[in-house]
PDB file of N, CA and C in Angstrom:
ATOM      1  N   MET A   1      15.790 -11.027  -5.410  1.00  0.00           N
ATOM      2  CA  MET A   1      14.770 -10.145  -4.870  1.00  0.00           C
ATOM      3  C   MET A   1      15.021  -9.953  -3.388  1.00  0.00           C
ATOM      4  N   ILE A   2      15.097  -8.721  -2.974  1.00  0.00           N
ATOM      5  CA  ILE A   2      15.272  -8.421  -1.557  1.00  0.00           C
ATOM      6  C   ILE A   2      13.920  -8.072  -0.939  1.00  0.00           C
ATOM      7  N   PHE A   3      13.878  -7.940   0.350  1.00  0.00           N
ATOM      8  CA  PHE A   3      12.640  -7.579   1.038  1.00  0.00           C
ATOM      9  C   PHE A   3      12.189  -6.202   0.561  1.00  0.00           C
ATOM     10  N   PRO A   4      10.900  -6.020   0.282  1.00  0.00           N
ATOM     11  CA  PRO A   4      10.397  -4.755  -0.286  1.00  0.00           C
ATOM     12  C   PRO A   4      10.331  -3.627   0.745  1.00  0.00           C
ATOM     13  N   LEU A   5      11.466  -3.022   1.035  1.00  0.00           N
ATOM     14  CA  LEU A   5      11.537  -2.014   2.089  1.00  0.00           C
ATOM     15  C   LEU A   5      10.731  -0.757   1.768  1.00  0.00           C
ATOM     16  N   GLU A   6      10.720  -0.335   0.501  1.00  0.00           N
ATOM     17  CA  GLU A   6       9.967   0.867   0.152  1.00  0.00           C
ATOM     18  C   GLU A   6       8.476   0.685   0.426  1.00  0.00           C
ATOM     19  N   GLU A   7       7.944  -0.486   0.066  1.00  0.00           N
ATOM     20  CA  GLU A   7       6.535  -0.748   0.331  1.00  0.00           C
ATOM     21  C   GLU A   7       6.266  -0.802   1.831  1.00  0.00           C
ATOM     22  N   LEU A   8       7.214  -1.343   2.572  1.00  0.00           N
ATOM     23  CA  LEU A   8       7.089  -1.429   4.027  1.00  0.00           C
ATOM     24  C   LEU A   8       7.029  -0.029   4.642  1.00  0.00           C
ATOM     25  N   ILE A   9       7.865   0.854   4.181  1.00  0.00           N
ATOM     26  CA  ILE A   9       7.899   2.222   4.701  1.00  0.00           C
ATOM     27  C   ILE A   9       6.617   2.972   4.364  1.00  0.00           C
ATOM     28  N   LYS A  10       6.104   2.776   3.153  1.00  0.00           N
ATOM     29  CA  LYS A  10       4.903   3.486   2.697  1.00  0.00           C
ATOM     30  C   LYS A  10       3.614   2.921   3.297  1.00  0.00           C
ATOM     31  N   TYR A  11       3.653   1.708   3.804  1.00  0.00           N
ATOM     32  CA  TYR A  11       2.440   1.037   4.270  1.00  0.00           C
ATOM     33  C   TYR A  11       1.822   1.783   5.450  1.00  0.00           C
ATOM     34  N   GLN A  12       0.523   2.067   5.363  1.00  0.00           N
ATOM     35  CA  GLN A  12      -0.167   2.831   6.402  1.00  0.00           C
ATOM     36  C   GLN A  12      -1.101   1.980   7.260  1.00  0.00           C
ATOM     37  N   GLY A  13      -1.251   0.697   6.931  1.00  0.00           N
ATOM     38  CA  GLY A  13      -2.181  -0.173   7.664  1.00  0.00           C
ATOM     39  C   GLY A  13      -1.564  -0.761   8.922  1.00  0.00           C
ATOM     40  N   ASN A  14      -2.209  -1.782   9.419  1.00  0.00           N
ATOM     41  CA  ASN A  14      -1.784  -2.472  10.629  1.00  0.00           C
ATOM     42  C   ASN A  14      -0.575  -3.357  10.308  1.00  0.00           C
ATOM     43  N   MET A  15       0.562  -3.014  10.864  1.00  0.00           N
ATOM     44  CA  MET A  15       1.810  -3.715  10.557  1.00  0.00           C
ATOM     45  C   MET A  15       1.776  -5.174  11.036  1.00  0.00           C
ATOM     46  N   TYR A  16       1.129  -5.425  12.167  1.00  0.00           N
ATOM     47  CA  TYR A  16       1.035  -6.786  12.682  1.00  0.00           C
ATOM     48  C   TYR A  16       0.255  -7.668  11.708  1.00  0.00           C
ATOM     49  N   GLU A  17      -0.865  -7.167  11.206  1.00  0.00           N
ATOM     50  CA  GLU A  17      -1.689  -7.943  10.283  1.00  0.00           C
ATOM     51  C   GLU A  17      -0.937  -8.284   9.006  1.00  0.00           C
ATOM     52  N   ILE A  18      -0.264  -7.308   8.424  1.00  0.00           N
ATOM     53  CA  ILE A  18       0.417  -7.569   7.154  1.00  0.00           C
ATOM     54  C   ILE A  18       1.630  -8.485   7.364  1.00  0.00           C
ATOM     55  N   THR A  19       2.268  -8.402   8.522  1.00  0.00           N
ATOM     56  CA  THR A  19       3.372  -9.304   8.836  1.00  0.00           C
ATOM     57  C   THR A  19       2.869 -10.738   8.968  1.00  0.00           C
ATOM     58  N   CYS A  20       1.745 -10.910   9.645  1.00  0.00           N
ATOM     59  CA  CYS A  20       1.140 -12.243   9.767  1.00  0.00           C
ATOM     60  C   CYS A  20       0.717 -12.779   8.409  1.00  0.00           C
ATOM     61  N   ALA A  21       0.176 -11.903   7.568  1.00  0.00           N
ATOM     62  CA  ALA A  21      -0.243 -12.312   6.223  1.00  0.00           C
ATOM     63  C   ALA A  21       0.963 -12.766   5.401  1.00  0.00           C
ATOM     64  N   ALA A  22       2.072 -12.042   5.483  1.00  0.00           N
ATOM     65  CA  ALA A  22       3.273 -12.423   4.747  1.00  0.00           C
ATOM     66  C   ALA A  22       3.828 -13.751   5.258  1.00  0.00           C
ATOM     67  N   ALA A  23       3.784 -13.954   6.563  1.00  0.00           N
ATOM     68  CA  ALA A  23       4.262 -15.221   7.131  1.00  0.00           C
ATOM     69  C   ALA A  23       3.384 -16.375   6.668  1.00  0.00           C
ATOM     70  N   ARG A  24       2.068 -16.171   6.684  1.00  0.00           N
ATOM     71  CA  ARG A  24       1.144 -17.219   6.239  1.00  0.00           C
ATOM     72  C   ARG A  24       1.356 -17.513   4.753  1.00  0.00           C
ATOM     73  N   ARG A  25       1.546 -16.459   3.944  1.00  0.00           N
ATOM     74  CA  ARG A  25       1.769 -16.647   2.510  1.00  0.00           C
ATOM     75  C   ARG A  25       3.087 -17.368   2.261  1.00  0.00           C
ATOM     76  N   SER A  26       4.106 -17.055   3.031  1.00  0.00           N
ATOM     77  CA  SER A  26       5.397 -17.726   2.897  1.00  0.00           C
ATOM     78  C   SER A  26       5.243 -19.224   3.150  1.00  0.00           C
ATOM     79  N   TYR A  27       4.469 -19.566   4.165  1.00  0.00           N
ATOM     80  CA  TYR A  27       4.194 -20.974   4.473  1.00  0.00           C
ATOM     81  C   TYR A  27       3.482 -21.645   3.301  1.00  0.00           C
ATOM     82  N   GLN A  28       2.469 -20.960   2.733  1.00  0.00           N
ATOM     83  CA  GLN A  28       1.745 -21.504   1.585  1.00  0.00           C
ATOM     84  C   GLN A  28       2.686 -21.754   0.407  1.00  0.00           C
ATOM     85  N   LEU A  29       3.532 -20.786   0.110  1.00  0.00           N
ATOM     86  CA  LEU A  29       4.456 -20.916  -1.017  1.00  0.00           C
ATOM     87  C   LEU A  29       5.389 -22.105  -0.825  1.00  0.00           C
ATOM     88  N   SER A  30       5.872 -22.284   0.391  1.00  0.00           N
ATOM     89  CA  SER A  30       6.785 -23.393   0.676  1.00  0.00           C
ATOM     90  C   SER A  30       6.087 -24.737   0.547  1.00  0.00           C
ATOM     91  N   LYS A  31       4.887 -24.840   1.102  1.00  0.00           N
ATOM     92  CA  LYS A  31       4.151 -26.107   1.058  1.00  0.00           C
ATOM     93  C   LYS A  31       3.716 -26.467  -0.360  1.00  0.00           C
ATOM     94  N   LEU A  32       3.356 -25.457  -1.152  1.00  0.00           N
ATOM     95  CA  LEU A  32       2.889 -25.709  -2.520  1.00  0.00           C
ATOM     96  C   LEU A  32       4.041 -25.855  -3.509  1.00  0.00           C
ATOM     97  N   GLU A  33       5.263 -25.594  -3.029  1.00  0.00           N
ATOM     98  CA  GLU A  33       6.449 -25.627  -3.881  1.00  0.00           C
ATOM     99  C   GLU A  33       6.211 -24.804  -5.143  1.00  0.00           C
ATOM    100  N   ASP A  34       5.789 -23.567  -4.929  1.00  0.00           N
ATOM    101  CA  ASP A  34       5.464 -22.639  -6.007  1.00  0.00           C
ATOM    102  C   ASP A  34       6.665 -22.436  -6.931  1.00  0.00           C
ATOM    103  N   PRO A  35       6.447 -22.483  -8.254  1.00  0.00           N
ATOM    104  CA  PRO A  35       7.552 -22.287  -9.201  1.00  0.00           C
ATOM    105  C   PRO A  35       8.233 -20.916  -9.079  1.00  0.00           C
ATOM    106  N   GLU A  36       7.493 -19.923  -8.582  1.00  0.00           N
ATOM    107  CA  GLU A  36       8.079 -18.599  -8.400  1.00  0.00           C
ATOM    108  C   GLU A  36       9.207 -18.606  -7.378  1.00  0.00           C
ATOM    109  N   LEU A  37       9.201 -19.603  -6.492  1.00  0.00           N
ATOM    110  CA  LEU A  37      10.259 -19.693  -5.491  1.00  0.00           C
ATOM    111  C   LEU A  37      11.621 -19.892  -6.139  1.00  0.00           C
ATOM    112  N   GLU A  38      11.682 -20.730  -7.166  1.00  0.00           N
ATOM    113  CA  GLU A  38      12.954 -20.960  -7.861  1.00  0.00           C
ATOM    114  C   GLU A  38      13.463 -19.672  -8.486  1.00  0.00           C
ATOM    115  N   GLU A  39      12.547 -18.885  -9.056  1.00  0.00           N
ATOM    116  CA  GLU A  39      12.928 -17.609  -9.673  1.00  0.00           C
ATOM    117  C   GLU A  39      13.416 -16.607  -8.627  1.00  0.00           C
ATOM    118  N   ASN A  40      13.021 -16.825  -7.383  1.00  0.00           N
ATOM    119  CA  ASN A  40      13.376 -15.925  -6.294  1.00  0.00           C
ATOM    120  C   ASN A  40      14.475 -16.505  -5.410  1.00  0.00           C
ATOM    121  N   GLY A  41      15.171 -17.475  -5.910  1.00  0.00           N
ATOM    122  CA  GLY A  41      16.274 -18.066  -5.164  1.00  0.00           C
ATOM    123  C   GLY A  41      15.838 -18.845  -3.935  1.00  0.00           C
ATOM    124  N   GLY A  42      14.592 -19.316  -3.916  1.00  0.00           N
ATOM    125  CA  GLY A  42      14.092 -20.092  -2.791  1.00  0.00           C
ATOM    126  C   GLY A  42      13.729 -19.267  -1.567  1.00  0.00           C
ATOM    127  N   LYS A  43      13.713 -17.959  -1.711  1.00  0.00           N
ATOM    128  CA  LYS A  43      13.442 -17.062  -0.577  1.00  0.00           C
ATOM    129  C   LYS A  43      11.945 -16.804  -0.477  1.00  0.00           C
ATOM    130  N   SER A  44      11.271 -17.637   0.295  1.00  0.00           N
ATOM    131  CA  SER A  44       9.810 -17.558   0.374  1.00  0.00           C
ATOM    132  C   SER A  44       9.325 -16.323   1.134  1.00  0.00           C
ATOM    133  N   VAL A  45      10.060 -15.878   2.135  1.00  0.00           N
ATOM    134  CA  VAL A  45       9.608 -14.728   2.927  1.00  0.00           C
ATOM    135  C   VAL A  45       9.624 -13.451   2.096  1.00  0.00           C
ATOM    136  N   SER A  46      10.696 -13.200   1.364  1.00  0.00           N
ATOM    137  CA  SER A  46      10.743 -11.976   0.562  1.00  0.00           C
ATOM    138  C   SER A  46       9.727 -12.020  -0.576  1.00  0.00           C
ATOM    139  N   LEU A  47       9.520 -13.197  -1.173  1.00  0.00           N
ATOM    140  CA  LEU A  47       8.516 -13.336  -2.221  1.00  0.00           C
ATOM    141  C   LEU A  47       7.121 -13.100  -1.656  1.00  0.00           C
ATOM    142  N   ALA A  48       6.825 -13.686  -0.510  1.00  0.00           N
ATOM    143  CA  ALA A  48       5.517 -13.518   0.124  1.00  0.00           C
ATOM    144  C   ALA A  48       5.283 -12.057   0.499  1.00  0.00           C
ATOM    145  N   ALA A  49       6.286 -11.417   1.056  1.00  0.00           N
ATOM    146  CA  ALA A  49       6.149 -10.006   1.437  1.00  0.00           C
ATOM    147  C   ALA A  49       5.872  -9.145   0.216  1.00  0.00           C
ATOM    148  N   ARG A  50       6.578  -9.394  -0.860  1.00  0.00           N
ATOM    149  CA  ARG A  50       6.348  -8.628  -2.090  1.00  0.00           C
ATOM    150  C   ARG A  50       4.925  -8.840  -2.588  1.00  0.00           C
ATOM    151  N   GLN A  51       4.450 -10.083  -2.575  1.00  0.00           N
ATOM    152  CA  GLN A  51       3.097 -10.378  -3.041  1.00  0.00           C
ATOM    153  C   GLN A  51       2.041  -9.696  -2.171  1.00  0.00           C
ATOM    154  N   VAL A  52       2.243  -9.676  -0.880  1.00  0.00           N
ATOM    155  CA  VAL A  52       1.272  -9.059   0.027  1.00  0.00           C
ATOM    156  C   VAL A  52       1.309  -7.538  -0.093  1.00  0.00           C
ATOM    157  N   PHE A  53       2.502  -6.954  -0.072  1.00  0.00           N
ATOM    158  CA  PHE A  53       2.623  -5.496  -0.126  1.00  0.00           C
ATOM    159  C   PHE A  53       2.184  -4.908  -1.459  1.00  0.00           C
ATOM    160  N   THR A  54       2.353  -5.643  -2.545  1.00  0.00           N
ATOM    161  CA  THR A  54       1.948  -5.130  -3.857  1.00  0.00           C
ATOM    162  C   THR A  54       0.505  -5.460  -4.191  1.00  0.00           C
ATOM    163  N   GLY A  55      -0.158  -6.247  -3.348  1.00  0.00           N
ATOM    164  CA  GLY A  55      -1.558  -6.571  -3.579  1.00  0.00           C
ATOM    165  C   GLY A  55      -1.797  -7.760  -4.493  1.00  0.00           C
ATOM    166  N   LYS A  56      -0.743  -8.478  -4.850  1.00  0.00           N
ATOM    167  CA  LYS A  56      -0.919  -9.660  -5.693  1.00  0.00           C
ATOM    168  C   LYS A  56      -1.766 -10.708  -4.979  1.00  0.00           C
ATOM    169  N   VAL A  57      -1.586 -10.825  -3.683  1.00  0.00           N
ATOM    170  CA  VAL A  57      -2.450 -11.679  -2.864  1.00  0.00           C
ATOM    171  C   VAL A  57      -3.129 -10.783  -1.835  1.00  0.00           C
ATOM    172  N   LYS A  58      -4.314 -11.150  -1.467  1.00  0.00           N
ATOM    173  CA  LYS A  58      -5.102 -10.378  -0.504  1.00  0.00           C
ATOM    174  C   LYS A  58      -5.149 -11.119   0.821  1.00  0.00           C
ATOM    175  N   PHE A  59      -5.443 -10.400   1.882  1.00  0.00           N
ATOM    176  CA  PHE A  59      -5.586 -11.017   3.188  1.00  0.00           C
ATOM    177  C   PHE A  59      -6.676 -10.294   3.952  1.00  0.00           C
ATOM    178  N   ARG A  60      -7.214 -10.988   4.941  1.00  0.00           N
ATOM    179  CA  ARG A  60      -8.206 -10.371   5.827  1.00  0.00           C
ATOM    180  C   ARG A  60      -8.110 -11.025   7.196  1.00  0.00           C
ATOM    181  N   LEU A  61      -8.507 -10.280   8.200  1.00  0.00           N
ATOM    182  CA  LEU A  61      -8.533 -10.775   9.564  1.00  0.00           C
ATOM    183  C   LEU A  61      -9.859 -11.474   9.796  1.00  0.00           C
ATOM    184  N   SER A  62      -9.813 -12.643  10.388  1.00  0.00           N
ATOM    185  CA  SER A  62     -11.022 -13.405  10.696  1.00  0.00           C
ATOM    186  C   SER A  62     -11.888 -12.619  11.672  1.00  0.00           C
ATOM    187  N   GLU A  63     -13.187 -12.750  11.533  1.00  0.00           N
ATOM    188  CA  GLU A  63     -14.106 -12.059  12.432  1.00  0.00           C
ATOM    189  C   GLU A  63     -14.359 -12.840  13.718  1.00  0.00           C
ATOM    190  N   ASN A  64     -13.774 -14.012  13.844  1.00  0.00           N
ATOM    191  CA  ASN A  64     -13.927 -14.830  15.042  1.00  0.00           C
ATOM    192  C   ASN A  64     -13.093 -14.207  16.165  1.00  0.00           C
ATOM    193  N   VAL A  65     -13.752 -13.598  17.127  1.00  0.00           N
ATOM    194  CA  VAL A  65     -13.057 -12.872  18.197  1.00  0.00           C
ATOM    195  C   VAL A  65     -12.236 -13.798  19.085  1.00  0.00           C
ATOM    196  N   GLU A  66     -12.737 -15.014  19.323  1.00  0.00           N
ATOM    197  CA  GLU A  66     -12.037 -15.938  20.207  1.00  0.00           C
ATOM    198  C   GLU A  66     -10.833 -16.586  19.546  1.00  0.00           C
ATOM    199  N   ASN A  67     -10.822 -16.664  18.230  1.00  0.00           N
ATOM    200  CA  ASN A  67      -9.719 -17.278  17.516  1.00  0.00           C
ATOM    201  C   ASN A  67      -9.410 -16.467  16.257  1.00  0.00           C
ATOM    202  N   PRO A  68      -8.854 -15.252  16.433  1.00  0.00           N
ATOM    203  CA  PRO A  68      -8.564 -14.427  15.260  1.00  0.00           C
ATOM    204  C   PRO A  68      -7.455 -15.060  14.431  1.00  0.00           C
ATOM    205  N   ALA A  69      -7.604 -14.961  13.144  1.00  0.00           N
ATOM    206  CA  ALA A  69      -6.598 -15.514  12.233  1.00  0.00           C
ATOM    207  C   ALA A  69      -6.570 -14.663  10.975  1.00  0.00           C
ATOM    208  N   ILE A  70      -5.486 -14.781  10.247  1.00  0.00           N
ATOM    209  CA  ILE A  70      -5.334 -14.084   8.979  1.00  0.00           C
ATOM    210  C   ILE A  70      -5.597 -15.085   7.860  1.00  0.00           C
ATOM    211  N   ALA A  71      -6.483 -14.742   6.954  1.00  0.00           N
ATOM    212  CA  ALA A  71      -6.738 -15.568   5.779  1.00  0.00           C
ATOM    213  C   ALA A  71      -6.059 -14.916   4.584  1.00  0.00           C
ATOM    214  N   VAL A  72      -5.285 -15.689   3.861  1.00  0.00           N
ATOM    215  CA  VAL A  72      -4.600 -15.195   2.669  1.00  0.00           C
ATOM    216  C   VAL A  72      -5.217 -15.873   1.484  1.00  0.00           C
ATOM    217  N   TYR A  73      -5.627 -15.098   0.486  1.00  0.00           N
ATOM    218  CA  TYR A  73      -6.257 -15.669  -0.700  1.00  0.00           C
ATOM    219  C   TYR A  73      -5.840 -14.951  -1.943  1.00  0.00           C
TER     220      TYR A  73
END
């Protein structure tokens, strides 16, 4: 699986937010040792990006103005 370039090109939202969400999801996948990682050749970033861009996982920006963060769920 390569990085989902078509979804990246079509994306109309905030690029910074979705990049942070993919990074956070990649961290989650690595820490949880998700079985999907083996199917993806251990490439957590491309798997996370695909999951975020296709809507398999959702994310939102924290409403805390002093400490904004991205929550991935």
